Amino acid sequence: MSRWSVRCWSVNRWSVNRWSVRRRILSVIRDRPGRARPAPCDSARDTHVLVKPDGVSRGLAPEVVRALRQAGLTVETVGHLRLTRAQAERWYPEKLNEPDGFRTLAYLSEGPMLLLAVVGDDALRRTRRVKKDIRRRFGTDERRNVAHCPETRGERDHERGVFGPLVRPCR
């Protein structure tokens, strides 16, 4: 080993130790009694998944449930809902300003959707991962992608306010 590599290693080791000490000090300060640590957005234990109209019409709801359960999440069917155009606009108001947004809103109101309740540790983060896999496997295009789940707690709460009064229990 050359002198240069030994010197670089010792400098890197020193900088790593310096940053680890700094991290430990900051964590002690942050974790003081009376000072709450902010919870990350994706640490929620519960969320929901919507099987979109194309997923329902193609019979892919059992595949979505199976994928969520394989990820270690508990899944329960809440019920069916069918959005009107006005309800779709309330759910996705940002689509009104997009040039292609009217097609998305029309798609969301074209048929019934299935609402699933999902519970588990880090449910939001894990559900997003499952959603990406479902869309990759079964989605036909950017819009017709079988499933939807909220990205954050705020989005989850907004959607619950929109969907809550619309859900019809499954029989």
N, C-alpha and C. Protein backbone atom coordinates (compact mmCIF):
# COMPACT_ATOMS: atom_id res chain seq x y z
N MET A 1 0.84 -1.17 0.00
CA MET A 1 0.00 0.00 0.00
C MET A 1 0.89 1.24 0.00
N SER A 2 0.57 2.18 -0.83
CA SER A 2 1.40 3.38 -0.93
C SER A 2 1.08 4.37 0.19
N ARG A 3 1.98 5.34 0.37
CA ARG A 3 1.74 6.38 1.37
C ARG A 3 0.49 7.17 1.05
N TRP A 4 0.26 7.43 -0.22
CA TRP A 4 -0.90 8.22 -0.64
C TRP A 4 -2.21 7.54 -0.25
N SER A 5 -2.34 6.26 -0.50
CA SER A 5 -3.58 5.56 -0.17
C SER A 5 -3.80 5.50 1.34
N VAL A 6 -2.73 5.35 2.11
CA VAL A 6 -2.88 5.33 3.57
C VAL A 6 -3.34 6.69 4.06
N ARG A 7 -2.77 7.76 3.51
CA ARG A 7 -3.15 9.09 3.94
C ARG A 7 -4.62 9.37 3.57
N CYS A 8 -5.03 9.00 2.36
CA CYS A 8 -6.44 9.21 1.96
C CYS A 8 -7.38 8.44 2.87
N TRP A 9 -6.98 7.21 3.19
CA TRP A 9 -7.84 6.41 4.04
C TRP A 9 -8.01 7.06 5.41
N SER A 10 -6.91 7.57 5.96
CA SER A 10 -7.01 8.18 7.29
C SER A 10 -7.82 9.48 7.24
N VAL A 11 -7.71 10.26 6.16
CA VAL A 11 -8.52 11.47 6.04
C VAL A 11 -9.99 11.10 5.93
N ASN A 12 -10.31 10.12 5.09
CA ASN A 12 -11.70 9.70 4.94
C ASN A 12 -12.25 9.15 6.25
N ARG A 13 -11.41 8.37 6.96
CA ARG A 13 -11.86 7.81 8.22
C ARG A 13 -12.15 8.93 9.21
N TRP A 14 -11.29 9.94 9.24
CA TRP A 14 -11.51 11.06 10.15
C TRP A 14 -12.80 11.79 9.81
N SER A 15 -13.05 12.04 8.51
CA SER A 15 -14.26 12.77 8.13
C SER A 15 -15.51 11.96 8.43
N VAL A 16 -15.44 10.65 8.25
CA VAL A 16 -16.59 9.80 8.58
C VAL A 16 -16.86 9.86 10.08
N ASN A 17 -15.80 9.76 10.88
CA ASN A 17 -15.98 9.83 12.33
C ASN A 17 -16.53 11.19 12.75
N ARG A 18 -16.04 12.26 12.12
CA ARG A 18 -16.51 13.60 12.46
C ARG A 18 -18.01 13.71 12.17
N TRP A 19 -18.46 13.22 11.03
CA TRP A 19 -19.89 13.32 10.68
C TRP A 19 -20.75 12.40 11.55
N SER A 20 -20.24 11.24 11.92
CA SER A 20 -21.04 10.36 12.77
C SER A 20 -21.21 10.96 14.16
N VAL A 21 -20.15 11.62 14.67
CA VAL A 21 -20.27 12.29 15.97
C VAL A 21 -21.28 13.43 15.87
N ARG A 22 -21.20 14.19 14.79
CA ARG A 22 -22.15 15.29 14.60
C ARG A 22 -23.58 14.78 14.53
N ARG A 23 -23.79 13.68 13.80
CA ARG A 23 -25.14 13.09 13.71
C ARG A 23 -25.65 12.67 15.08
N ARG A 24 -24.77 12.04 15.88
CA ARG A 24 -25.17 11.61 17.22
C ARG A 24 -25.55 12.80 18.09
N ILE A 25 -24.77 13.87 18.02
CA ILE A 25 -25.07 15.07 18.83
C ILE A 25 -26.41 15.66 18.39
N LEU A 26 -26.63 15.78 17.09
CA LEU A 26 -27.89 16.33 16.61
C LEU A 26 -29.08 15.46 16.98
N SER A 27 -28.90 14.14 16.96
CA SER A 27 -30.01 13.27 17.34
C SER A 27 -30.34 13.40 18.82
N VAL A 28 -29.33 13.61 19.66
CA VAL A 28 -29.58 13.81 21.10
C VAL A 28 -30.35 15.11 21.30
N ILE A 29 -29.96 16.16 20.58
CA ILE A 29 -30.66 17.44 20.70
C ILE A 29 -32.10 17.30 20.22
N ARG A 30 -32.31 16.63 19.07
CA ARG A 30 -33.65 16.47 18.52
C ARG A 30 -34.55 15.62 19.40
N ASP A 31 -33.96 14.62 20.07
CA ASP A 31 -34.75 13.68 20.86
C ASP A 31 -34.92 14.10 22.32
N ARG A 32 -34.65 15.35 22.64
CA ARG A 32 -34.84 15.83 24.01
C ARG A 32 -36.30 15.68 24.40
N PRO A 33 -36.58 15.45 25.68
CA PRO A 33 -37.97 15.43 26.12
C PRO A 33 -38.63 16.77 25.85
N GLY A 34 -39.87 16.73 25.41
CA GLY A 34 -40.60 17.95 25.11
C GLY A 34 -40.42 18.42 23.69
N ARG A 35 -39.57 17.78 22.94
CA ARG A 35 -39.37 18.16 21.54
C ARG A 35 -39.73 16.96 20.68
N ALA A 36 -40.86 17.03 20.03
CA ALA A 36 -41.33 15.91 19.22
C ALA A 36 -40.64 15.90 17.86
N ARG A 37 -40.30 14.72 17.41
CA ARG A 37 -39.73 14.58 16.08
C ARG A 37 -40.86 14.55 15.07
N PRO A 38 -40.74 15.26 13.97
CA PRO A 38 -41.79 15.21 12.97
C PRO A 38 -41.85 13.84 12.32
N ALA A 39 -43.06 13.35 12.14
CA ALA A 39 -43.23 12.04 11.51
C ALA A 39 -43.12 12.19 10.00
N PRO A 40 -42.41 11.30 9.35
CA PRO A 40 -42.36 11.37 7.89
C PRO A 40 -43.72 11.10 7.29
N CYS A 41 -43.96 11.67 6.11
CA CYS A 41 -45.26 11.55 5.47
C CYS A 41 -45.65 10.12 5.17
N ASP A 42 -44.68 9.27 4.91
CA ASP A 42 -45.04 7.92 4.49
C ASP A 42 -44.98 6.91 5.63
N SER A 43 -45.09 7.36 6.88
CA SER A 43 -45.06 6.42 7.99
C SER A 43 -46.44 6.07 8.50
N ALA A 44 -47.49 6.44 7.77
CA ALA A 44 -48.86 6.15 8.21
C ALA A 44 -49.11 4.65 8.20
N ARG A 45 -49.90 4.20 9.15
CA ARG A 45 -50.23 2.78 9.26
C ARG A 45 -51.42 2.39 8.41
N ASP A 46 -52.18 3.35 7.91
CA ASP A 46 -53.35 3.00 7.12
C ASP A 46 -53.47 3.92 5.91
N THR A 47 -54.03 3.37 4.86
CA THR A 47 -54.25 4.13 3.64
C THR A 47 -55.36 3.42 2.86
N HIS A 48 -55.51 3.76 1.61
CA HIS A 48 -56.49 3.08 0.77
C HIS A 48 -55.96 2.95 -0.64
N VAL A 49 -56.57 2.05 -1.37
CA VAL A 49 -56.22 1.83 -2.77
C VAL A 49 -57.52 1.82 -3.56
N LEU A 50 -57.51 2.47 -4.71
CA LEU A 50 -58.65 2.44 -5.62
C LEU A 50 -58.29 1.56 -6.80
N VAL A 51 -59.13 0.59 -7.09
CA VAL A 51 -58.99 -0.15 -8.34
C VAL A 51 -59.82 0.63 -9.34
N LYS A 52 -59.16 1.21 -10.34
CA LYS A 52 -59.79 2.12 -11.29
C LYS A 52 -60.74 1.38 -12.23
N PRO A 53 -61.53 2.13 -13.01
CA PRO A 53 -62.52 1.49 -13.88
C PRO A 53 -61.95 0.42 -14.81
N ASP A 54 -60.76 0.63 -15.35
CA ASP A 54 -60.20 -0.40 -16.24
C ASP A 54 -59.81 -1.65 -15.47
N GLY A 55 -59.36 -1.51 -14.23
CA GLY A 55 -59.03 -2.67 -13.40
C GLY A 55 -60.26 -3.46 -13.02
N VAL A 56 -61.35 -2.76 -12.71
CA VAL A 56 -62.60 -3.44 -12.36
C VAL A 56 -63.16 -4.16 -13.58
N SER A 57 -63.21 -3.48 -14.73
CA SER A 57 -63.80 -4.09 -15.93
C SER A 57 -62.96 -5.27 -16.44
N ARG A 58 -61.65 -5.25 -16.22
CA ARG A 58 -60.79 -6.35 -16.64
C ARG A 58 -60.67 -7.44 -15.58
N GLY A 59 -61.32 -7.27 -14.43
CA GLY A 59 -61.30 -8.28 -13.38
C GLY A 59 -59.97 -8.40 -12.66
N LEU A 60 -59.26 -7.30 -12.50
CA LEU A 60 -57.94 -7.33 -11.89
C LEU A 60 -57.94 -7.00 -10.40
N ALA A 61 -59.10 -6.78 -9.81
CA ALA A 61 -59.16 -6.46 -8.38
C ALA A 61 -58.53 -7.56 -7.52
N PRO A 62 -58.80 -8.86 -7.79
CA PRO A 62 -58.14 -9.90 -6.98
C PRO A 62 -56.61 -9.87 -7.09
N GLU A 63 -56.09 -9.50 -8.25
CA GLU A 63 -54.64 -9.40 -8.42
C GLU A 63 -54.07 -8.26 -7.56
N VAL A 64 -54.79 -7.16 -7.50
CA VAL A 64 -54.35 -6.02 -6.68
C VAL A 64 -54.34 -6.43 -5.21
N VAL A 65 -55.42 -7.08 -4.76
CA VAL A 65 -55.50 -7.53 -3.36
C VAL A 65 -54.39 -8.52 -3.06
N ARG A 66 -54.15 -9.46 -3.97
CA ARG A 66 -53.09 -10.45 -3.77
C ARG A 66 -51.72 -9.78 -3.65
N ALA A 67 -51.45 -8.82 -4.50
CA ALA A 67 -50.14 -8.13 -4.45
C ALA A 67 -49.97 -7.37 -3.14
N LEU A 68 -51.03 -6.73 -2.66
CA LEU A 68 -50.95 -6.00 -1.39
C LEU A 68 -50.72 -6.95 -0.23
N ARG A 69 -51.40 -8.09 -0.24
CA ARG A 69 -51.23 -9.07 0.84
C ARG A 69 -49.85 -9.70 0.81
N GLN A 70 -49.30 -9.92 -0.39
CA GLN A 70 -47.94 -10.47 -0.50
C GLN A 70 -46.91 -9.49 0.04
N ALA A 71 -47.24 -8.21 0.03
CA ALA A 71 -46.34 -7.20 0.59
C ALA A 71 -46.47 -7.11 2.10
N GLY A 72 -47.29 -7.97 2.70
CA GLY A 72 -47.44 -8.00 4.15
C GLY A 72 -48.46 -7.02 4.70
N LEU A 73 -49.35 -6.53 3.85
CA LEU A 73 -50.36 -5.57 4.28
C LEU A 73 -51.71 -6.27 4.46
N THR A 74 -52.51 -5.75 5.36
CA THR A 74 -53.86 -6.26 5.56
C THR A 74 -54.79 -5.46 4.67
N VAL A 75 -55.64 -6.17 3.92
CA VAL A 75 -56.52 -5.51 2.94
C VAL A 75 -57.96 -5.91 3.20
N GLU A 76 -58.84 -4.92 3.20
CA GLU A 76 -60.27 -5.15 3.33
C GLU A 76 -60.99 -4.35 2.26
N THR A 77 -62.02 -4.95 1.67
CA THR A 77 -62.82 -4.23 0.69
C THR A 77 -63.78 -3.31 1.42
N VAL A 78 -63.75 -2.03 1.09
CA VAL A 78 -64.65 -1.06 1.71
C VAL A 78 -65.95 -0.99 0.92
N GLY A 79 -65.85 -0.89 -0.40
CA GLY A 79 -67.06 -0.84 -1.21
C GLY A 79 -66.77 -0.33 -2.61
N HIS A 80 -67.85 -0.16 -3.36
CA HIS A 80 -67.79 0.34 -4.73
C HIS A 80 -68.18 1.81 -4.75
N LEU A 81 -67.67 2.52 -5.73
CA LEU A 81 -68.12 3.89 -5.94
C LEU A 81 -68.03 4.19 -7.43
N ARG A 82 -68.88 5.09 -7.85
CA ARG A 82 -68.87 5.55 -9.24
C ARG A 82 -68.92 7.07 -9.20
N LEU A 83 -67.92 7.70 -9.77
CA LEU A 83 -67.81 9.15 -9.72
C LEU A 83 -68.56 9.80 -10.87
N THR A 84 -69.18 10.93 -10.59
CA THR A 84 -69.69 11.79 -11.66
C THR A 84 -68.54 12.68 -12.10
N ARG A 85 -68.75 13.42 -13.15
CA ARG A 85 -67.70 14.32 -13.64
C ARG A 85 -67.35 15.37 -12.56
N ALA A 86 -68.37 15.90 -11.88
CA ALA A 86 -68.14 16.92 -10.85
C ALA A 86 -67.35 16.33 -9.67
N GLN A 87 -67.64 15.09 -9.30
CA GLN A 87 -66.92 14.45 -8.20
C GLN A 87 -65.47 14.16 -8.60
N ALA A 88 -65.26 13.77 -9.86
CA ALA A 88 -63.90 13.56 -10.35
C ALA A 88 -63.11 14.87 -10.33
N GLU A 89 -63.77 15.97 -10.67
CA GLU A 89 -63.12 17.29 -10.62
C GLU A 89 -62.78 17.68 -9.19
N ARG A 90 -63.64 17.32 -8.25
CA ARG A 90 -63.37 17.61 -6.84
C ARG A 90 -62.18 16.79 -6.34
N TRP A 91 -62.07 15.56 -6.83
CA TRP A 91 -60.95 14.70 -6.44
C TRP A 91 -59.65 15.21 -7.04
N TYR A 92 -59.65 15.53 -8.33
CA TYR A 92 -58.45 15.95 -9.05
C TYR A 92 -58.63 17.35 -9.61
N PRO A 93 -58.70 18.39 -8.80
CA PRO A 93 -58.91 19.74 -9.35
C PRO A 93 -57.76 20.21 -10.24
N GLU A 94 -56.55 19.68 -10.04
CA GLU A 94 -55.41 20.10 -10.86
C GLU A 94 -55.55 19.65 -12.32
N LYS A 95 -56.39 18.63 -12.58
CA LYS A 95 -56.58 18.15 -13.95
C LYS A 95 -57.34 19.17 -14.81
N LEU A 96 -58.07 20.08 -14.18
CA LEU A 96 -58.82 21.09 -14.93
C LEU A 96 -57.88 22.03 -15.69
N ASN A 97 -56.67 22.22 -15.20
CA ASN A 97 -55.72 23.14 -15.82
C ASN A 97 -54.78 22.46 -16.81
N GLU A 98 -54.86 21.13 -16.93
CA GLU A 98 -54.00 20.42 -17.86
C GLU A 98 -54.68 20.30 -19.22
N PRO A 99 -53.91 20.37 -20.30
CA PRO A 99 -54.52 20.29 -21.63
C PRO A 99 -55.22 18.95 -21.89
N ASP A 100 -54.70 17.87 -21.29
CA ASP A 100 -55.28 16.54 -21.50
C ASP A 100 -56.10 16.08 -20.29
N GLY A 101 -56.31 16.97 -19.32
CA GLY A 101 -56.97 16.61 -18.08
C GLY A 101 -58.41 16.17 -18.23
N PHE A 102 -59.12 16.72 -19.22
CA PHE A 102 -60.53 16.34 -19.40
C PHE A 102 -60.66 14.85 -19.74
N ARG A 103 -59.66 14.29 -20.43
CA ARG A 103 -59.71 12.85 -20.74
C ARG A 103 -59.55 12.01 -19.48
N THR A 104 -58.68 12.44 -18.60
CA THR A 104 -58.48 11.71 -17.34
C THR A 104 -59.75 11.77 -16.50
N LEU A 105 -60.38 12.94 -16.41
CA LEU A 105 -61.61 13.08 -15.63
C LEU A 105 -62.73 12.24 -16.24
N ALA A 106 -62.81 12.18 -17.54
CA ALA A 106 -63.82 11.35 -18.20
C ALA A 106 -63.56 9.87 -17.92
N TYR A 107 -62.31 9.48 -17.95
CA TYR A 107 -61.94 8.09 -17.66
C TYR A 107 -62.33 7.70 -16.23
N LEU A 108 -62.05 8.58 -15.27
CA LEU A 108 -62.35 8.27 -13.87
C LEU A 108 -63.85 8.16 -13.60
N SER A 109 -64.66 8.77 -14.45
CA SER A 109 -66.11 8.70 -14.24
C SER A 109 -66.80 7.75 -15.21
N GLU A 110 -66.04 6.92 -15.92
CA GLU A 110 -66.66 6.04 -16.91
C GLU A 110 -67.19 4.73 -16.36
N GLY A 111 -66.80 4.35 -15.16
CA GLY A 111 -67.28 3.08 -14.61
C GLY A 111 -67.05 2.99 -13.13
N PRO A 112 -67.48 1.87 -12.54
CA PRO A 112 -67.32 1.69 -11.09
C PRO A 112 -65.86 1.46 -10.71
N MET A 113 -65.54 1.86 -9.48
CA MET A 113 -64.22 1.63 -8.90
C MET A 113 -64.40 0.91 -7.58
N LEU A 114 -63.38 0.19 -7.17
CA LEU A 114 -63.40 -0.56 -5.93
C LEU A 114 -62.45 0.11 -4.95
N LEU A 115 -62.94 0.40 -3.75
CA LEU A 115 -62.13 1.03 -2.71
C LEU A 115 -61.69 -0.02 -1.71
N LEU A 116 -60.37 -0.10 -1.48
CA LEU A 116 -59.78 -1.06 -0.55
C LEU A 116 -59.11 -0.32 0.59
N ALA A 117 -59.34 -0.77 1.81
CA ALA A 117 -58.64 -0.24 2.98
C ALA A 117 -57.39 -1.08 3.20
N VAL A 118 -56.26 -0.41 3.43
CA VAL A 118 -54.98 -1.09 3.59
C VAL A 118 -54.36 -0.66 4.92
N VAL A 119 -53.92 -1.65 5.71
CA VAL A 119 -53.34 -1.38 7.02
C VAL A 119 -52.04 -2.18 7.16
N GLY A 120 -51.05 -1.55 7.76
CA GLY A 120 -49.77 -2.22 8.02
C GLY A 120 -48.70 -1.19 8.33
N ASP A 121 -47.56 -1.66 8.81
CA ASP A 121 -46.44 -0.76 9.07
C ASP A 121 -46.00 -0.10 7.78
N ASP A 122 -45.79 1.20 7.80
CA ASP A 122 -45.39 1.97 6.62
C ASP A 122 -46.31 1.71 5.44
N ALA A 123 -47.61 1.73 5.70
CA ALA A 123 -48.59 1.37 4.67
C ALA A 123 -48.51 2.26 3.44
N LEU A 124 -48.34 3.57 3.62
CA LEU A 124 -48.28 4.46 2.45
C LEU A 124 -47.09 4.12 1.56
N ARG A 125 -45.93 3.98 2.15
CA ARG A 125 -44.73 3.70 1.36
C ARG A 125 -44.82 2.34 0.67
N ARG A 126 -45.25 1.33 1.40
CA ARG A 126 -45.32 -0.01 0.83
C ARG A 126 -46.42 -0.11 -0.22
N THR A 127 -47.52 0.59 -0.01
CA THR A 127 -48.60 0.58 -1.00
C THR A 127 -48.16 1.25 -2.29
N ARG A 128 -47.41 2.33 -2.19
CA ARG A 128 -46.89 2.98 -3.41
C ARG A 128 -46.00 2.04 -4.20
N ARG A 129 -45.19 1.26 -3.50
CA ARG A 129 -44.31 0.31 -4.17
C ARG A 129 -45.13 -0.76 -4.90
N VAL A 130 -46.19 -1.26 -4.24
CA VAL A 130 -47.05 -2.26 -4.87
C VAL A 130 -47.77 -1.65 -6.07
N LYS A 131 -48.22 -0.40 -5.93
CA LYS A 131 -48.91 0.27 -7.03
C LYS A 131 -48.03 0.36 -8.27
N LYS A 132 -46.78 0.69 -8.08
CA LYS A 132 -45.85 0.78 -9.21
C LYS A 132 -45.73 -0.57 -9.91
N ASP A 133 -45.66 -1.64 -9.12
CA ASP A 133 -45.55 -2.98 -9.71
C ASP A 133 -46.83 -3.35 -10.46
N ILE A 134 -47.99 -3.05 -9.88
CA ILE A 134 -49.27 -3.34 -10.52
C ILE A 134 -49.38 -2.58 -11.84
N ARG A 135 -49.02 -1.31 -11.82
CA ARG A 135 -49.10 -0.51 -13.04
C ARG A 135 -48.15 -1.04 -14.11
N ARG A 136 -46.98 -1.46 -13.69
CA ARG A 136 -46.01 -2.01 -14.65
C ARG A 136 -46.54 -3.30 -15.28
N ARG A 137 -47.16 -4.16 -14.46
CA ARG A 137 -47.63 -5.45 -14.95
C ARG A 137 -48.92 -5.36 -15.76
N PHE A 138 -49.88 -4.52 -15.32
CA PHE A 138 -51.21 -4.57 -15.91
C PHE A 138 -51.65 -3.29 -16.62
N GLY A 139 -50.95 -2.19 -16.41
CA GLY A 139 -51.35 -0.93 -17.02
C GLY A 139 -51.20 -0.96 -18.54
N THR A 140 -52.15 -0.34 -19.23
CA THR A 140 -52.08 -0.31 -20.70
C THR A 140 -51.50 1.01 -21.20
N ASP A 141 -51.68 2.09 -20.46
CA ASP A 141 -51.07 3.36 -20.80
C ASP A 141 -50.97 4.22 -19.55
N GLU A 142 -50.58 5.47 -19.72
CA GLU A 142 -50.37 6.36 -18.58
C GLU A 142 -51.65 6.58 -17.77
N ARG A 143 -52.78 6.60 -18.44
CA ARG A 143 -54.05 6.88 -17.79
C ARG A 143 -54.71 5.60 -17.28
N ARG A 144 -54.77 4.59 -18.10
CA ARG A 144 -55.43 3.32 -17.75
C ARG A 144 -54.38 2.40 -17.10
N ASN A 145 -54.21 2.63 -15.80
CA ASN A 145 -53.13 1.94 -15.10
C ASN A 145 -53.60 1.16 -13.88
N VAL A 146 -54.85 0.76 -13.86
CA VAL A 146 -55.44 -0.21 -12.94
C VAL A 146 -55.64 0.29 -11.51
N ALA A 147 -54.66 0.91 -10.89
CA ALA A 147 -54.77 1.21 -9.45
C ALA A 147 -54.29 2.62 -9.13
N HIS A 148 -54.81 3.13 -8.03
CA HIS A 148 -54.40 4.43 -7.50
C HIS A 148 -54.27 4.31 -5.99
N CYS A 149 -53.25 4.97 -5.45
CA CYS A 149 -53.14 5.13 -4.00
C CYS A 149 -52.56 6.50 -3.72
N PRO A 150 -52.91 7.10 -2.58
CA PRO A 150 -52.38 8.43 -2.26
C PRO A 150 -50.89 8.38 -1.99
N GLU A 151 -50.23 9.49 -2.26
CA GLU A 151 -48.79 9.60 -2.06
C GLU A 151 -48.43 10.10 -0.67
N THR A 152 -49.29 10.91 -0.06
CA THR A 152 -49.00 11.52 1.24
C THR A 152 -50.22 11.41 2.15
N ARG A 153 -50.01 11.74 3.42
CA ARG A 153 -51.13 11.76 4.36
C ARG A 153 -52.18 12.80 3.97
N GLY A 154 -51.72 13.97 3.53
CA GLY A 154 -52.64 15.03 3.12
C GLY A 154 -53.51 14.60 1.95
N GLU A 155 -52.90 13.96 0.97
CA GLU A 155 -53.66 13.46 -0.18
C GLU A 155 -54.62 12.37 0.27
N ARG A 156 -54.17 11.50 1.17
CA ARG A 156 -55.04 10.44 1.70
C ARG A 156 -56.27 11.04 2.38
N ASP A 157 -56.08 12.05 3.21
CA ASP A 157 -57.19 12.65 3.93
C ASP A 157 -58.14 13.38 2.98
N HIS A 158 -57.60 14.06 1.97
CA HIS A 158 -58.44 14.72 0.97
C HIS A 158 -59.31 13.70 0.25
N GLU A 159 -58.72 12.59 -0.17
CA GLU A 159 -59.47 11.57 -0.90
C GLU A 159 -60.52 10.91 -0.02
N ARG A 160 -60.23 10.72 1.25
CA ARG A 160 -61.24 10.15 2.15
C ARG A 160 -62.45 11.08 2.26
N GLY A 161 -62.19 12.39 2.26
CA GLY A 161 -63.30 13.34 2.30
C GLY A 161 -64.14 13.30 1.04
N VAL A 162 -63.50 13.06 -0.09
CA VAL A 162 -64.24 12.98 -1.37
C VAL A 162 -64.97 11.66 -1.48
N PHE A 163 -64.29 10.55 -1.18
CA PHE A 163 -64.87 9.23 -1.42
C PHE A 163 -65.82 8.76 -0.31
N GLY A 164 -65.63 9.23 0.91
CA GLY A 164 -66.42 8.74 2.05
C GLY A 164 -67.91 8.70 1.80
N PRO A 165 -68.54 9.82 1.39
CA PRO A 165 -69.99 9.81 1.20
C PRO A 165 -70.44 9.03 -0.05
N LEU A 166 -69.53 8.67 -0.93
CA LEU A 166 -69.90 8.03 -2.19
C LEU A 166 -69.86 6.51 -2.16
N VAL A 167 -69.20 5.94 -1.16
CA VAL A 167 -68.97 4.49 -1.14
C VAL A 167 -70.25 3.74 -0.82
N ARG A 168 -70.51 2.72 -1.64
CA ARG A 168 -71.61 1.79 -1.39
C ARG A 168 -70.98 0.48 -0.93
N PRO A 169 -71.40 -0.05 0.21
CA PRO A 169 -70.80 -1.30 0.70
C PRO A 169 -71.00 -2.44 -0.30
N CYS A 170 -70.04 -3.36 -0.33
CA CYS A 170 -70.16 -4.54 -1.19
C CYS A 170 -71.14 -5.52 -0.57
N ARG A 171 -71.84 -6.23 -1.41
CA ARG A 171 -72.80 -7.24 -0.90
C ARG A 171 -72.33 -8.61 -1.17
